[in-house]
Amino acid sequence: MTTALERLALTTHAVKVFPLPSAVLFPHAALPLHIFEPRYRALVRDALAGDKVMALAQLQSGWEGQYGERPPMQPMMCAGLIIWHEELEDGRYNILLQGVSRARLLEELPAGEELYRRVRVQLLPDGEYQGPEEERLRQAVFELAGRVPNSFAENLLPVVARSQGGALADVVAAAVVPEPERRQELLCELDVRTRLTAVLDDVGELIARLSPVKPVGPLN
């Protein structure tokens, strides 16, 4: 059976890309997206009819005045697969995009008949890694779980328990880091040890800002 990474590798010469300044996708994490612009409706429609591959990219600073054109993209993006979709009556889509691999922008393809943008990329999957940073990050997430709503902890803890190396850093970052700028910094970090340490720092800062959740006792 073809793996998700192998499916992506077949498309690196012309990946459909959705530049979205407000969101950063991580490998091993899923991101819900509402697609309403005509050019990106066309992107999703074509992806669903074919390989279901698309990438999510940040725009470089100063994009605001040229969003409707082709403003420069950040060179590091995340390529993934559409794993669920809902087509609405007016042509809009709700999709769930599963991140698979970091991808470095090599060149943008010339505009063609497509309304959307396409790029040639180099996939940058993580190598194998095992180190003490993994256990430190897991322990920090377990401590964080005592300070956040149960529903959040119950969704995050099983994923953290089975993730390793770079994937562990990515799933935790996807769950606890909200700022697009910081998420992009972590997406750009290719060294797994450094990324684990950076995400551990983010979790530690979050723990410091939160009070432990106290169990509710019987009313007197």
C-alpha atoms as a PDB file:
ATOM      1  CA  MET A   1       0.000   0.000   0.000  1.00  0.00           C
ATOM      2  CA  THR A   2       1.282   3.467  -0.911  1.00  0.00           C
ATOM      3  CA  THR A   3       2.101   5.625   2.107  1.00  0.00           C
ATOM      4  CA  ALA A   4       1.009   9.240   2.444  1.00  0.00           C
ATOM      5  CA  LEU A   5       4.614  10.396   1.986  1.00  0.00           C
ATOM      6  CA  GLU A   6       4.958   8.320  -1.174  1.00  0.00           C
ATOM      7  CA  ARG A   7       1.762   9.878  -2.521  1.00  0.00           C
ATOM      8  CA  LEU A   8       3.195  13.322  -1.915  1.00  0.00           C
ATOM      9  CA  ALA A   9       6.492  12.375  -3.561  1.00  0.00           C
ATOM     10  CA  LEU A  10       4.648  11.778  -6.831  1.00  0.00           C
ATOM     11  CA  THR A  11       3.422  15.390  -6.889  1.00  0.00           C
ATOM     12  CA  THR A  12       6.500  17.424  -5.911  1.00  0.00           C
ATOM     13  CA  HIS A  13       6.924  18.763  -9.450  1.00  0.00           C
ATOM     14  CA  ALA A  14       3.574  20.603  -9.264  1.00  0.00           C
ATOM     15  CA  VAL A  15       1.938  20.839  -5.840  1.00  0.00           C
ATOM     16  CA  LYS A  16      -1.283  22.807  -5.519  1.00  0.00           C
ATOM     17  CA  VAL A  17      -0.749  25.416  -2.808  1.00  0.00           C
ATOM     18  CA  PHE A  18      -3.148  27.420  -0.665  1.00  0.00           C
ATOM     19  CA  PRO A  19      -1.407  30.515   0.755  1.00  0.00           C
ATOM     20  CA  LEU A  20      -3.181  31.352   3.992  1.00  0.00           C
ATOM     21  CA  PRO A  21      -1.592  34.006   6.224  1.00  0.00           C
ATOM     22  CA  SER A  22      -3.656  33.119   9.303  1.00  0.00           C
ATOM     23  CA  ALA A  23      -2.890  29.379   9.561  1.00  0.00           C
ATOM     24  CA  VAL A  24       0.109  27.040   9.696  1.00  0.00           C
ATOM     25  CA  LEU A  25      -0.245  23.295   9.180  1.00  0.00           C
ATOM     26  CA  PHE A  26       2.127  20.837  10.871  1.00  0.00           C
ATOM     27  CA  PRO A  27       2.991  17.320   9.744  1.00  0.00           C
ATOM     28  CA  HIS A  28       1.083  14.674  11.715  1.00  0.00           C
ATOM     29  CA  ALA A  29      -1.686  17.162  12.580  1.00  0.00           C
ATOM     30  CA  ALA A  30      -4.998  17.912  10.894  1.00  0.00           C
ATOM     31  CA  LEU A  31      -6.430  21.358  10.215  1.00  0.00           C
ATOM     32  CA  PRO A  32     -10.065  22.168   9.350  1.00  0.00           C
ATOM     33  CA  LEU A  33     -10.452  24.729   6.565  1.00  0.00           C
ATOM     34  CA  HIS A  34     -13.417  26.519   5.046  1.00  0.00           C
ATOM     35  CA  ILE A  35     -12.818  27.152   1.344  1.00  0.00           C
ATOM     36  CA  PHE A  36     -14.831  29.975  -0.181  1.00  0.00           C
ATOM     37  CA  GLU A  37     -12.662  31.924  -2.685  1.00  0.00           C
ATOM     38  CA  PRO A  38     -13.301  30.824  -6.298  1.00  0.00           C
ATOM     39  CA  ARG A  39      -9.621  30.060  -7.009  1.00  0.00           C
ATOM     40  CA  TYR A  40      -9.334  27.817  -3.956  1.00  0.00           C
ATOM     41  CA  ARG A  41     -12.673  26.151  -4.615  1.00  0.00           C
ATOM     42  CA  ALA A  42     -11.115  25.195  -7.960  1.00  0.00           C
ATOM     43  CA  LEU A  43      -7.978  23.961  -6.168  1.00  0.00           C
ATOM     44  CA  VAL A  44      -9.956  21.727  -3.827  1.00  0.00           C
ATOM     45  CA  ARG A  45     -12.197  20.473  -6.626  1.00  0.00           C
ATOM     46  CA  ASP A  46      -9.172  19.493  -8.734  1.00  0.00           C
ATOM     47  CA  ALA A  47      -7.380  17.928  -5.762  1.00  0.00           C
ATOM     48  CA  LEU A  48     -10.415  15.832  -4.863  1.00  0.00           C
ATOM     49  CA  ALA A  49     -10.694  14.662  -8.452  1.00  0.00           C
ATOM     50  CA  GLY A  50      -7.060  13.559  -8.408  1.00  0.00           C
ATOM     51  CA  ASP A  51      -4.414  12.861  -5.764  1.00  0.00           C
ATOM     52  CA  LYS A  52      -6.028  14.860  -2.894  1.00  0.00           C
ATOM     53  CA  VAL A  53      -2.645  16.550  -2.278  1.00  0.00           C
ATOM     54  CA  MET A  54      -2.341  20.217  -1.420  1.00  0.00           C
ATOM     55  CA  ALA A  55       0.073  22.377   0.556  1.00  0.00           C
ATOM     56  CA  LEU A  56      -0.597  25.185   2.995  1.00  0.00           C
ATOM     57  CA  ALA A  57       1.808  28.119   2.965  1.00  0.00           C
ATOM     58  CA  GLN A  58       2.307  31.373   4.817  1.00  0.00           C
ATOM     59  CA  LEU A  59       2.702  34.602   2.871  1.00  0.00           C
ATOM     60  CA  GLN A  60       5.712  36.813   3.383  1.00  0.00           C
ATOM     61  CA  SER A  61       5.228  40.118   5.196  1.00  0.00           C
ATOM     62  CA  GLY A  62       3.669  42.896   3.158  1.00  0.00           C
ATOM     63  CA  TRP A  63       1.164  40.641   1.406  1.00  0.00           C
ATOM     64  CA  GLU A  64      -1.899  42.632   2.468  1.00  0.00           C
ATOM     65  CA  GLY A  65      -1.980  44.942  -0.540  1.00  0.00           C
ATOM     66  CA  GLN A  66      -1.613  42.155  -3.090  1.00  0.00           C
ATOM     67  CA  TYR A  67      -3.504  39.195  -1.623  1.00  0.00           C
ATOM     68  CA  GLY A  68      -5.673  38.863  -4.744  1.00  0.00           C
ATOM     69  CA  GLU A  69      -2.561  38.517  -6.910  1.00  0.00           C
ATOM     70  CA  ARG A  70       0.478  36.266  -6.330  1.00  0.00           C
ATOM     71  CA  PRO A  71       2.324  37.689  -3.307  1.00  0.00           C
ATOM     72  CA  PRO A  72       5.574  35.928  -2.292  1.00  0.00           C
ATOM     73  CA  MET A  73       5.206  32.863  -0.072  1.00  0.00           C
ATOM     74  CA  GLN A  74       7.376  31.722   2.804  1.00  0.00           C
ATOM     75  CA  PRO A  75       9.858  29.112   1.507  1.00  0.00           C
ATOM     76  CA  MET A  76       8.849  26.514   4.117  1.00  0.00           C
ATOM     77  CA  MET A  77       5.347  25.060   3.901  1.00  0.00           C
ATOM     78  CA  CYS A  78       3.547  21.858   4.815  1.00  0.00           C
ATOM     79  CA  ALA A  79       2.155  19.453   2.230  1.00  0.00           C
ATOM     80  CA  GLY A  80      -0.697  17.147   3.120  1.00  0.00           C
ATOM     81  CA  LEU A  81      -3.751  15.198   2.064  1.00  0.00           C
ATOM     82  CA  ILE A  82      -7.420  16.091   2.137  1.00  0.00           C
ATOM     83  CA  ILE A  83      -8.799  13.322   4.360  1.00  0.00           C
ATOM     84  CA  TRP A  84     -12.398  14.582   4.611  1.00  0.00           C
ATOM     85  CA  HIS A  85     -14.515  17.051   2.717  1.00  0.00           C
ATOM     86  CA  GLU A  86     -18.009  18.446   2.537  1.00  0.00           C
ATOM     87  CA  GLU A  87     -19.185  20.277  -0.572  1.00  0.00           C
ATOM     88  CA  LEU A  88     -21.786  22.926   0.142  1.00  0.00           C
ATOM     89  CA  GLU A  89     -24.608  23.855  -2.199  1.00  0.00           C
ATOM     90  CA  ASP A  90     -23.038  27.131  -3.347  1.00  0.00           C
ATOM     91  CA  GLY A  91     -19.696  25.538  -4.258  1.00  0.00           C
ATOM     92  CA  ARG A  92     -17.850  26.212  -1.029  1.00  0.00           C
ATOM     93  CA  TYR A  93     -16.051  23.393   0.782  1.00  0.00           C
ATOM     94  CA  ASN A  94     -15.303  22.364   4.311  1.00  0.00           C
ATOM     95  CA  ILE A  95     -12.200  20.168   4.356  1.00  0.00           C
ATOM     96  CA  LEU A  96      -9.868  18.487   6.819  1.00  0.00           C
ATOM     97  CA  LEU A  97      -6.246  18.691   5.690  1.00  0.00           C
ATOM     98  CA  GLN A  98      -3.843  16.160   7.217  1.00  0.00           C
ATOM     99  CA  GLY A  99      -0.239  17.370   7.303  1.00  0.00           C
ATOM    100  CA  VAL A 100       2.300  14.858   6.024  1.00  0.00           C
ATOM    101  CA  SER A 101       5.663  16.544   5.437  1.00  0.00           C
ATOM    102  CA  ARG A 102       7.513  19.815   5.525  1.00  0.00           C
ATOM    103  CA  ALA A 103       8.192  21.034   2.012  1.00  0.00           C
ATOM    104  CA  ARG A 104      10.735  23.590   0.839  1.00  0.00           C
ATOM    105  CA  LEU A 105       9.667  25.853  -2.002  1.00  0.00           C
ATOM    106  CA  LEU A 106      12.019  25.467  -4.970  1.00  0.00           C
ATOM    107  CA  GLU A 107      10.109  27.483  -7.550  1.00  0.00           C
ATOM    108  CA  GLU A 108       6.623  28.657  -8.342  1.00  0.00           C
ATOM    109  CA  LEU A 109       5.269  27.414 -11.650  1.00  0.00           C
ATOM    110  CA  PRO A 110       4.125  29.989 -14.209  1.00  0.00           C
ATOM    111  CA  ALA A 111       0.442  30.828 -14.163  1.00  0.00           C
ATOM    112  CA  GLY A 112      -1.562  28.602 -16.463  1.00  0.00           C
ATOM    113  CA  GLU A 113      -5.211  27.847 -16.955  1.00  0.00           C
ATOM    114  CA  GLU A 114      -5.553  27.068 -13.251  1.00  0.00           C
ATOM    115  CA  LEU A 115      -6.913  29.839 -11.066  1.00  0.00           C
ATOM    116  CA  TYR A 116      -4.715  28.721  -8.164  1.00  0.00           C
ATOM    117  CA  ARG A 117      -0.955  28.578  -7.627  1.00  0.00           C
ATOM    118  CA  ARG A 118       1.319  25.570  -8.059  1.00  0.00           C
ATOM    119  CA  VAL A 119       4.867  25.061  -6.842  1.00  0.00           C
ATOM    120  CA  ARG A 120       7.784  22.667  -7.158  1.00  0.00           C
ATOM    121  CA  VAL A 121       8.972  21.544  -3.742  1.00  0.00           C
ATOM    122  CA  GLN A 122      11.477  19.377  -1.901  1.00  0.00           C
ATOM    123  CA  LEU A 123       9.920  17.188   0.779  1.00  0.00           C
ATOM    124  CA  LEU A 124      11.725  17.291   4.136  1.00  0.00           C
ATOM    125  CA  PRO A 125      10.492  14.403   6.306  1.00  0.00           C
ATOM    126  CA  ASP A 126      12.074  13.967   9.730  1.00  0.00           C
ATOM    127  CA  GLY A 127      14.654  11.299  10.308  1.00  0.00           C
ATOM    128  CA  GLU A 128      14.557   8.874  13.224  1.00  0.00           C
ATOM    129  CA  TYR A 129      15.281  10.445  16.598  1.00  0.00           C
ATOM    130  CA  GLN A 130      15.226   9.279  20.200  1.00  0.00           C
ATOM    131  CA  GLY A 131      16.433  11.373  23.076  1.00  0.00           C
ATOM    132  CA  PRO A 132      15.601  12.602  26.584  1.00  0.00           C
ATOM    133  CA  GLU A 133      13.762  15.604  25.160  1.00  0.00           C
ATOM    134  CA  GLU A 134      10.889  13.313  24.158  1.00  0.00           C
ATOM    135  CA  GLU A 135      10.153  12.189  27.707  1.00  0.00           C
ATOM    136  CA  ARG A 136      10.560  15.708  29.070  1.00  0.00           C
ATOM    137  CA  LEU A 137       8.005  16.994  26.580  1.00  0.00           C
ATOM    138  CA  ARG A 138       5.569  14.165  27.379  1.00  0.00           C
ATOM    139  CA  GLN A 139       5.846  14.864  31.091  1.00  0.00           C
ATOM    140  CA  ALA A 140       5.244  18.564  30.484  1.00  0.00           C
ATOM    141  CA  VAL A 141       2.130  17.764  28.435  1.00  0.00           C
ATOM    142  CA  PHE A 142       0.861  15.490  31.218  1.00  0.00           C
ATOM    143  CA  GLU A 143       1.341  18.370  33.666  1.00  0.00           C
ATOM    144  CA  LEU A 144      -0.435  20.705  31.262  1.00  0.00           C
ATOM    145  CA  ALA A 145      -3.335  18.254  31.081  1.00  0.00           C
ATOM    146  CA  GLY A 146      -4.085  18.974  34.736  1.00  0.00           C
ATOM    147  CA  ARG A 147      -4.580  22.662  33.948  1.00  0.00           C
ATOM    148  CA  VAL A 148      -6.790  22.555  30.855  1.00  0.00           C
ATOM    149  CA  PRO A 149     -10.346  21.316  30.209  1.00  0.00           C
ATOM    150  CA  ASN A 150     -10.727  17.552  30.202  1.00  0.00           C
ATOM    151  CA  SER A 151     -11.964  17.495  26.619  1.00  0.00           C
ATOM    152  CA  PHE A 152      -8.729  19.100  25.409  1.00  0.00           C
ATOM    153  CA  ALA A 153      -6.523  16.779  27.453  1.00  0.00           C
ATOM    154  CA  GLU A 154      -8.422  13.660  26.421  1.00  0.00           C
ATOM    155  CA  ASN A 155      -7.864  14.459  22.741  1.00  0.00           C
ATOM    156  CA  LEU A 156      -4.203  15.358  23.107  1.00  0.00           C
ATOM    157  CA  LEU A 157      -2.830  12.749  25.524  1.00  0.00           C
ATOM    158  CA  PRO A 158      -3.386   9.613  23.382  1.00  0.00           C
ATOM    159  CA  VAL A 159      -1.676  11.281  20.421  1.00  0.00           C
ATOM    160  CA  VAL A 160       1.252  12.383  22.572  1.00  0.00           C
ATOM    161  CA  ALA A 161       1.618   8.892  24.044  1.00  0.00           C
ATOM    162  CA  ARG A 162       2.075   7.255  20.640  1.00  0.00           C
ATOM    163  CA  SER A 163       4.116   9.987  18.881  1.00  0.00           C
ATOM    164  CA  GLN A 164       7.893  10.074  18.745  1.00  0.00           C
ATOM    165  CA  GLY A 165      10.667  12.385  17.654  1.00  0.00           C
ATOM    166  CA  GLY A 166       9.722  15.200  15.336  1.00  0.00           C
ATOM    167  CA  ALA A 167       6.133  13.998  15.176  1.00  0.00           C
ATOM    168  CA  LEU A 168       5.817  14.481  18.941  1.00  0.00           C
ATOM    169  CA  ALA A 169       7.024  18.069  18.704  1.00  0.00           C
ATOM    170  CA  ASP A 170       4.663  18.748  15.797  1.00  0.00           C
ATOM    171  CA  VAL A 171       1.468  17.368  17.342  1.00  0.00           C
ATOM    172  CA  VAL A 172       2.090  19.237  20.595  1.00  0.00           C
ATOM    173  CA  ALA A 173       2.889  22.476  18.753  1.00  0.00           C
ATOM    174  CA  ALA A 174      -0.246  22.089  16.652  1.00  0.00           C
ATOM    175  CA  ALA A 175      -2.328  21.772  19.810  1.00  0.00           C
ATOM    176  CA  VAL A 176      -0.838  24.413  22.105  1.00  0.00           C
ATOM    177  CA  VAL A 177       0.811  27.117  19.963  1.00  0.00           C
ATOM    178  CA  PRO A 178      -1.830  29.501  18.543  1.00  0.00           C
ATOM    179  CA  GLU A 179       0.279  32.307  17.036  1.00  0.00           C
ATOM    180  CA  PRO A 180       0.906  31.852  13.282  1.00  0.00           C
ATOM    181  CA  GLU A 181       4.326  33.509  13.522  1.00  0.00           C
ATOM    182  CA  ARG A 182       5.538  31.104  16.218  1.00  0.00           C
ATOM    183  CA  ARG A 183       4.010  28.136  14.411  1.00  0.00           C
ATOM    184  CA  GLN A 184       5.907  29.129  11.269  1.00  0.00           C
ATOM    185  CA  GLU A 185       9.153  29.328  13.265  1.00  0.00           C
ATOM    186  CA  LEU A 186       8.607  25.781  14.520  1.00  0.00           C
ATOM    187  CA  LEU A 187       7.685  24.569  11.036  1.00  0.00           C
ATOM    188  CA  CYS A 188      11.007  25.953   9.788  1.00  0.00           C
ATOM    189  CA  GLU A 189      13.018  24.110  12.475  1.00  0.00           C
ATOM    190  CA  LEU A 190      14.409  20.999  10.792  1.00  0.00           C
ATOM    191  CA  ASP A 191      16.573  19.787  13.684  1.00  0.00           C
ATOM    192  CA  VAL A 192      14.335  17.467  15.700  1.00  0.00           C
ATOM    193  CA  ARG A 193      16.166  17.896  19.011  1.00  0.00           C
ATOM    194  CA  THR A 194      16.020  21.686  18.732  1.00  0.00           C
ATOM    195  CA  ARG A 195      12.340  21.549  17.810  1.00  0.00           C
ATOM    196  CA  LEU A 196      11.478  19.320  20.769  1.00  0.00           C
ATOM    197  CA  THR A 197      13.299  21.696  23.111  1.00  0.00           C
ATOM    198  CA  ALA A 198      11.557  24.728  21.611  1.00  0.00           C
ATOM    199  CA  VAL A 199       8.108  23.178  21.978  1.00  0.00           C
ATOM    200  CA  LEU A 200       8.976  22.157  25.543  1.00  0.00           C
ATOM    201  CA  ASP A 201       9.705  25.819  26.270  1.00  0.00           C
ATOM    202  CA  ASP A 202       6.319  26.791  24.806  1.00  0.00           C
ATOM    203  CA  VAL A 203       4.523  24.225  26.947  1.00  0.00           C
ATOM    204  CA  GLY A 204       6.425  25.389  30.013  1.00  0.00           C
ATOM    205  CA  GLU A 205       5.392  28.986  29.409  1.00  0.00           C
ATOM    206  CA  LEU A 206       1.772  27.901  29.029  1.00  0.00           C
ATOM    207  CA  ILE A 207       1.888  25.894  32.268  1.00  0.00           C
ATOM    208  CA  ALA A 208       3.299  28.913  34.095  1.00  0.00           C
ATOM    209  CA  ARG A 209       0.309  31.000  32.992  1.00  0.00           C
ATOM    210  CA  LEU A 210      -2.325  28.443  34.022  1.00  0.00           C
ATOM    211  CA  SER A 211      -3.512  27.432  37.461  1.00  0.00           C
ATOM    212  CA  PRO A 212      -4.100  23.758  38.236  1.00  0.00           C
ATOM    213  CA  VAL A 213      -7.663  22.670  37.670  1.00  0.00           C
ATOM    214  CA  LYS A 214      -9.083  21.781  41.068  1.00  0.00           C
ATOM    215  CA  PRO A 215     -11.614  18.964  41.240  1.00  0.00           C
ATOM    216  CA  VAL A 216     -15.088  20.075  42.183  1.00  0.00           C
ATOM    217  CA  GLY A 217     -16.031  18.746  45.607  1.00  0.00           C
ATOM    218  CA  PRO A 218     -19.465  18.231  47.155  1.00  0.00           C
ATOM    219  CA  LEU A 219     -21.452  21.321  47.986  1.00  0.00           C
ATOM    220  CA  ASN A 220     -21.889  22.017  51.685  1.00  0.00           C
END
